[in-house]
Amino acid sequence: MTAPEHVLRDDYRRGADWVAHCRCGFTTVRRDRPSCVAMLYKHTIDAARDTSCPTPHKKGHGTAEEAEAALGRFLRRQRPGARPTRIYLCQCRKWHTTKSPARPDHGVAA
């Protein structure tokens, strides 16, 4: 089994600053140890994100039915503001909800 690439390798004090190293080579320097280690863990979280999706902030649903159910939940909410109106299959192969109208160059909306 290989070791994870993004893991806190070490942290130490250098003068008035704290330094933390990731196993991948990333380094962060901060004035206090908690924020130094927190920045390194933020790096590990960012590195683990799926970058193949152009909208990683949106929830990805495995099937069209799951996305339709999520769309129904949005529409039943009694909250003001824009709500999603349709679902679409993303290039990441997951289904998302959107409030944007279908673009004609992308075929028929689901």
N, C-alpha and C. Protein backbone atom coordinates (compact mmCIF):
# COMPACT_ATOMS: atom_id res chain seq x y z
N MET A 1 0.84 -1.18 0.00
CA MET A 1 0.00 0.00 0.00
C MET A 1 0.89 1.24 0.00
N THR A 2 0.60 2.21 -0.90
CA THR A 2 1.41 3.41 -0.96
C THR A 2 0.88 4.45 0.02
N ALA A 3 1.78 5.31 0.48
CA ALA A 3 1.41 6.36 1.44
C ALA A 3 0.66 7.47 0.71
N PRO A 4 -0.31 8.11 1.38
CA PRO A 4 -1.04 9.22 0.76
C PRO A 4 -0.07 10.35 0.39
N GLU A 5 -0.35 11.01 -0.72
CA GLU A 5 0.54 12.07 -1.19
C GLU A 5 0.39 13.35 -0.39
N HIS A 6 -0.82 13.66 0.07
CA HIS A 6 -1.06 14.92 0.77
C HIS A 6 -1.32 14.67 2.25
N VAL A 7 -0.25 14.68 3.01
CA VAL A 7 -0.30 14.44 4.45
C VAL A 7 0.72 15.35 5.11
N LEU A 8 0.41 15.84 6.29
CA LEU A 8 1.36 16.65 7.06
C LEU A 8 2.62 15.83 7.31
N ARG A 9 3.72 16.29 6.77
CA ARG A 9 4.99 15.59 6.96
C ARG A 9 5.65 16.03 8.25
N ASP A 10 5.73 17.36 8.45
CA ASP A 10 6.30 17.89 9.69
C ASP A 10 5.91 19.35 9.86
N ASP A 11 6.00 19.83 11.06
CA ASP A 11 5.83 21.25 11.34
C ASP A 11 6.83 21.62 12.42
N TYR A 12 7.35 22.83 12.31
CA TYR A 12 8.37 23.28 13.26
C TYR A 12 8.41 24.80 13.30
N ARG A 13 9.05 25.29 14.32
CA ARG A 13 9.19 26.72 14.51
C ARG A 13 10.47 27.19 13.82
N ARG A 14 10.37 28.29 13.06
CA ARG A 14 11.54 28.90 12.43
C ARG A 14 11.49 30.39 12.76
N GLY A 15 12.29 30.80 13.74
CA GLY A 15 12.24 32.18 14.21
C GLY A 15 10.89 32.45 14.88
N ALA A 16 10.20 33.48 14.41
CA ALA A 16 8.89 33.83 14.97
C ALA A 16 7.76 33.10 14.25
N ASP A 17 8.06 32.37 13.19
CA ASP A 17 7.04 31.73 12.36
C ASP A 17 6.99 30.21 12.57
N TRP A 18 5.86 29.64 12.14
CA TRP A 18 5.70 28.19 12.10
C TRP A 18 5.69 27.76 10.64
N VAL A 19 6.30 26.64 10.36
CA VAL A 19 6.39 26.10 9.01
C VAL A 19 5.79 24.70 9.04
N ALA A 20 4.95 24.40 8.04
CA ALA A 20 4.38 23.05 7.90
C ALA A 20 4.63 22.57 6.49
N HIS A 21 5.03 21.31 6.36
CA HIS A 21 5.31 20.71 5.07
C HIS A 21 4.35 19.56 4.80
N CYS A 22 3.89 19.50 3.56
CA CYS A 22 3.10 18.38 3.09
C CYS A 22 4.05 17.38 2.45
N ARG A 23 3.65 16.13 2.43
CA ARG A 23 4.48 15.11 1.81
C ARG A 23 4.70 15.38 0.32
N CYS A 24 3.78 16.09 -0.34
CA CYS A 24 3.91 16.39 -1.77
C CYS A 24 4.92 17.49 -2.05
N GLY A 25 5.36 18.22 -1.00
CA GLY A 25 6.32 19.30 -1.18
C GLY A 25 5.74 20.67 -0.89
N PHE A 26 4.42 20.79 -0.75
CA PHE A 26 3.80 22.06 -0.42
C PHE A 26 4.24 22.51 0.96
N THR A 27 4.51 23.82 1.12
CA THR A 27 4.93 24.38 2.40
C THR A 27 4.08 25.60 2.70
N THR A 28 3.71 25.78 3.96
CA THR A 28 3.01 26.97 4.40
C THR A 28 3.72 27.53 5.62
N VAL A 29 3.71 28.85 5.72
CA VAL A 29 4.36 29.54 6.85
C VAL A 29 3.35 30.51 7.44
N ARG A 30 3.16 30.44 8.74
CA ARG A 30 2.24 31.33 9.45
C ARG A 30 2.84 31.73 10.80
N ARG A 31 2.25 32.73 11.42
CA ARG A 31 2.74 33.23 12.71
C ARG A 31 2.45 32.29 13.88
N ASP A 32 1.33 31.55 13.77
CA ASP A 32 0.99 30.64 14.87
C ASP A 32 0.78 29.23 14.33
N ARG A 33 1.03 28.26 15.17
CA ARG A 33 0.98 26.85 14.74
C ARG A 33 -0.41 26.41 14.29
N PRO A 34 -1.49 26.74 15.03
CA PRO A 34 -2.81 26.28 14.57
C PRO A 34 -3.16 26.75 13.16
N SER A 35 -2.91 28.01 12.85
CA SER A 35 -3.26 28.48 11.50
C SER A 35 -2.31 27.90 10.46
N CYS A 36 -1.08 27.63 10.82
CA CYS A 36 -0.13 27.02 9.90
C CYS A 36 -0.59 25.61 9.52
N VAL A 37 -0.94 24.83 10.52
CA VAL A 37 -1.40 23.46 10.26
C VAL A 37 -2.76 23.49 9.54
N ALA A 38 -3.62 24.44 9.89
CA ALA A 38 -4.92 24.56 9.22
C ALA A 38 -4.75 24.86 7.74
N MET A 39 -3.81 25.71 7.38
CA MET A 39 -3.56 26.02 5.98
C MET A 39 -3.04 24.79 5.23
N LEU A 40 -2.25 23.99 5.90
CA LEU A 40 -1.76 22.77 5.25
C LEU A 40 -2.91 21.78 5.03
N TYR A 41 -3.80 21.66 6.01
CA TYR A 41 -4.93 20.77 5.82
C TYR A 41 -5.90 21.30 4.78
N LYS A 42 -6.02 22.63 4.65
CA LYS A 42 -6.82 23.20 3.57
C LYS A 42 -6.22 22.78 2.23
N HIS A 43 -4.90 22.79 2.15
CA HIS A 43 -4.22 22.33 0.93
C HIS A 43 -4.58 20.87 0.63
N THR A 44 -4.61 20.01 1.63
CA THR A 44 -4.92 18.60 1.39
C THR A 44 -6.37 18.44 0.91
N ILE A 45 -7.27 19.24 1.45
CA ILE A 45 -8.68 19.19 1.02
C ILE A 45 -8.81 19.68 -0.41
N ASP A 46 -8.15 20.81 -0.72
CA ASP A 46 -8.21 21.34 -2.08
C ASP A 46 -7.62 20.36 -3.08
N ALA A 47 -6.54 19.70 -2.70
CA ALA A 47 -5.88 18.74 -3.60
C ALA A 47 -6.75 17.53 -3.86
N ALA A 48 -7.62 17.19 -2.91
CA ALA A 48 -8.46 16.00 -3.04
C ALA A 48 -9.73 16.26 -3.86
N ARG A 49 -10.03 17.52 -4.15
CA ARG A 49 -11.24 17.85 -4.89
C ARG A 49 -11.17 17.31 -6.30
N ASP A 50 -12.32 16.94 -6.80
CA ASP A 50 -12.43 16.45 -8.17
C ASP A 50 -12.37 17.65 -9.10
N THR A 51 -11.29 17.79 -9.83
CA THR A 51 -11.12 18.95 -10.69
C THR A 51 -11.67 18.73 -12.10
N SER A 52 -12.19 17.56 -12.37
CA SER A 52 -12.70 17.30 -13.70
C SER A 52 -14.08 17.93 -13.94
N CYS A 53 -14.73 18.38 -12.88
CA CYS A 53 -16.05 19.00 -13.00
C CYS A 53 -15.89 20.51 -13.15
N PRO A 54 -16.52 21.12 -14.16
CA PRO A 54 -16.41 22.57 -14.32
C PRO A 54 -17.20 23.34 -13.25
N THR A 55 -18.09 22.66 -12.54
CA THR A 55 -18.86 23.30 -11.46
C THR A 55 -18.77 22.46 -10.19
N PRO A 56 -17.57 22.35 -9.58
CA PRO A 56 -17.41 21.49 -8.42
C PRO A 56 -18.19 21.97 -7.19
N HIS A 57 -18.66 23.22 -7.21
CA HIS A 57 -19.45 23.72 -6.09
C HIS A 57 -20.88 23.15 -6.10
N LYS A 58 -21.30 22.60 -7.23
CA LYS A 58 -22.64 22.01 -7.31
C LYS A 58 -22.61 20.56 -6.85
N LYS A 59 -23.71 20.13 -6.26
CA LYS A 59 -23.82 18.74 -5.84
C LYS A 59 -24.01 17.87 -7.08
N GLY A 60 -23.24 16.82 -7.15
CA GLY A 60 -23.36 15.88 -8.26
C GLY A 60 -24.24 14.71 -7.86
N HIS A 61 -25.20 14.38 -8.70
CA HIS A 61 -26.11 13.26 -8.44
C HIS A 61 -25.74 12.12 -9.38
N GLY A 62 -25.81 10.91 -8.88
CA GLY A 62 -25.40 9.75 -9.66
C GLY A 62 -26.33 9.39 -10.79
N THR A 63 -27.61 9.68 -10.62
CA THR A 63 -28.59 9.33 -11.66
C THR A 63 -29.50 10.53 -11.93
N ALA A 64 -30.17 10.48 -13.08
CA ALA A 64 -31.13 11.54 -13.41
C ALA A 64 -32.28 11.55 -12.40
N GLU A 65 -32.66 10.35 -11.93
CA GLU A 65 -33.75 10.27 -10.95
C GLU A 65 -33.39 10.97 -9.64
N GLU A 66 -32.16 10.80 -9.19
CA GLU A 66 -31.71 11.48 -7.96
C GLU A 66 -31.73 13.00 -8.16
N ALA A 67 -31.28 13.45 -9.33
CA ALA A 67 -31.28 14.88 -9.62
C ALA A 67 -32.70 15.43 -9.70
N GLU A 68 -33.62 14.66 -10.31
CA GLU A 68 -35.03 15.07 -10.38
C GLU A 68 -35.63 15.18 -8.98
N ALA A 69 -35.29 14.24 -8.10
CA ALA A 69 -35.79 14.29 -6.73
C ALA A 69 -35.26 15.54 -6.01
N ALA A 70 -33.98 15.86 -6.23
CA ALA A 70 -33.41 17.06 -5.63
C ALA A 70 -34.10 18.31 -6.17
N LEU A 71 -34.37 18.32 -7.47
CA LEU A 71 -35.08 19.44 -8.08
C LEU A 71 -36.46 19.61 -7.44
N GLY A 72 -37.15 18.50 -7.22
CA GLY A 72 -38.46 18.56 -6.56
C GLY A 72 -38.37 19.12 -5.16
N ARG A 73 -37.32 18.74 -4.42
CA ARG A 73 -37.14 19.28 -3.06
C ARG A 73 -36.91 20.79 -3.10
N PHE A 74 -36.11 21.25 -4.06
CA PHE A 74 -35.88 22.69 -4.20
C PHE A 74 -37.18 23.42 -4.47
N LEU A 75 -38.00 22.87 -5.36
CA LEU A 75 -39.24 23.54 -5.76
C LEU A 75 -40.27 23.56 -4.65
N ARG A 76 -40.21 22.61 -3.73
CA ARG A 76 -41.16 22.58 -2.61
C ARG A 76 -40.78 23.53 -1.48
N ARG A 77 -39.57 24.00 -1.46
CA ARG A 77 -39.13 24.91 -0.39
C ARG A 77 -39.86 26.24 -0.48
N GLN A 78 -40.15 26.78 0.68
CA GLN A 78 -40.83 28.07 0.75
C GLN A 78 -39.82 29.17 1.03
N ARG A 79 -38.81 29.27 0.18
CA ARG A 79 -37.77 30.28 0.36
C ARG A 79 -37.74 31.18 -0.87
N PRO A 80 -37.45 32.47 -0.65
CA PRO A 80 -37.36 33.37 -1.80
C PRO A 80 -36.07 33.12 -2.58
N GLY A 81 -36.04 33.63 -3.79
CA GLY A 81 -34.83 33.54 -4.59
C GLY A 81 -34.98 32.59 -5.76
N ALA A 82 -33.95 32.61 -6.59
CA ALA A 82 -33.94 31.76 -7.78
C ALA A 82 -33.81 30.30 -7.38
N ARG A 83 -34.51 29.46 -8.09
CA ARG A 83 -34.48 28.02 -7.83
C ARG A 83 -34.13 27.30 -9.12
N PRO A 84 -33.52 26.13 -8.99
CA PRO A 84 -33.23 25.37 -10.20
C PRO A 84 -34.51 24.98 -10.93
N THR A 85 -34.42 24.92 -12.23
CA THR A 85 -35.60 24.60 -13.04
C THR A 85 -35.42 23.35 -13.89
N ARG A 86 -34.18 22.85 -14.00
CA ARG A 86 -33.95 21.66 -14.82
C ARG A 86 -32.71 20.94 -14.35
N ILE A 87 -32.47 19.77 -14.92
CA ILE A 87 -31.27 19.01 -14.61
C ILE A 87 -30.47 18.84 -15.89
N TYR A 88 -29.18 18.54 -15.75
CA TYR A 88 -28.35 18.27 -16.93
C TYR A 88 -27.23 17.32 -16.56
N LEU A 89 -26.75 16.61 -17.56
CA LEU A 89 -25.63 15.69 -17.38
C LEU A 89 -24.35 16.46 -17.66
N CYS A 90 -23.49 16.54 -16.66
CA CYS A 90 -22.24 17.30 -16.73
C CYS A 90 -21.15 16.46 -17.39
N GLN A 91 -20.07 17.11 -17.81
CA GLN A 91 -18.94 16.37 -18.39
C GLN A 91 -18.27 15.47 -17.37
N CYS A 92 -18.50 15.70 -16.07
CA CYS A 92 -17.94 14.83 -15.04
C CYS A 92 -18.77 13.55 -14.88
N ARG A 93 -19.81 13.40 -15.70
CA ARG A 93 -20.69 12.23 -15.72
C ARG A 93 -21.61 12.16 -14.50
N LYS A 94 -21.83 13.30 -13.87
CA LYS A 94 -22.82 13.39 -12.79
C LYS A 94 -23.92 14.34 -13.24
N TRP A 95 -25.06 14.21 -12.59
CA TRP A 95 -26.19 15.06 -12.90
C TRP A 95 -26.23 16.24 -11.93
N HIS A 96 -26.45 17.44 -12.46
CA HIS A 96 -26.56 18.66 -11.66
C HIS A 96 -27.92 19.30 -11.90
N THR A 97 -28.31 20.17 -10.97
CA THR A 97 -29.50 21.01 -11.17
C THR A 97 -29.00 22.41 -11.54
N THR A 98 -29.82 23.14 -12.29
CA THR A 98 -29.45 24.51 -12.66
C THR A 98 -30.69 25.36 -12.86
N LYS A 99 -30.51 26.66 -12.67
CA LYS A 99 -31.60 27.60 -12.93
C LYS A 99 -31.44 28.23 -14.31
N SER A 100 -30.32 27.95 -14.98
CA SER A 100 -30.08 28.50 -16.32
C SER A 100 -30.90 27.75 -17.36
N PRO A 101 -31.39 28.46 -18.37
CA PRO A 101 -32.13 27.79 -19.44
C PRO A 101 -31.18 26.92 -20.25
N ALA A 102 -31.73 25.94 -20.93
CA ALA A 102 -30.93 25.04 -21.77
C ALA A 102 -30.32 25.85 -22.92
N ARG A 103 -29.07 25.53 -23.24
CA ARG A 103 -28.40 26.19 -24.36
C ARG A 103 -28.69 25.37 -25.62
N PRO A 104 -29.07 26.05 -26.70
CA PRO A 104 -29.44 25.34 -27.92
C PRO A 104 -28.30 24.48 -28.48
N ASP A 105 -27.06 24.88 -28.25
CA ASP A 105 -25.93 24.13 -28.80
C ASP A 105 -25.60 22.87 -27.99
N HIS A 106 -26.36 22.59 -26.93
CA HIS A 106 -26.11 21.41 -26.11
C HIS A 106 -27.24 20.40 -26.18
N GLY A 107 -28.04 20.48 -27.21
CA GLY A 107 -29.10 19.48 -27.39
C GLY A 107 -30.31 19.74 -26.51
N VAL A 108 -31.12 18.74 -26.35
CA VAL A 108 -32.37 18.84 -25.59
C VAL A 108 -32.06 18.75 -24.10
N ALA A 109 -32.69 19.61 -23.30
CA ALA A 109 -32.51 19.58 -21.85
C ALA A 109 -33.18 18.34 -21.29
N ALA A 110 -32.58 17.79 -20.24
CA ALA A 110 -33.16 16.61 -19.59
C ALA A 110 -34.33 16.98 -18.74
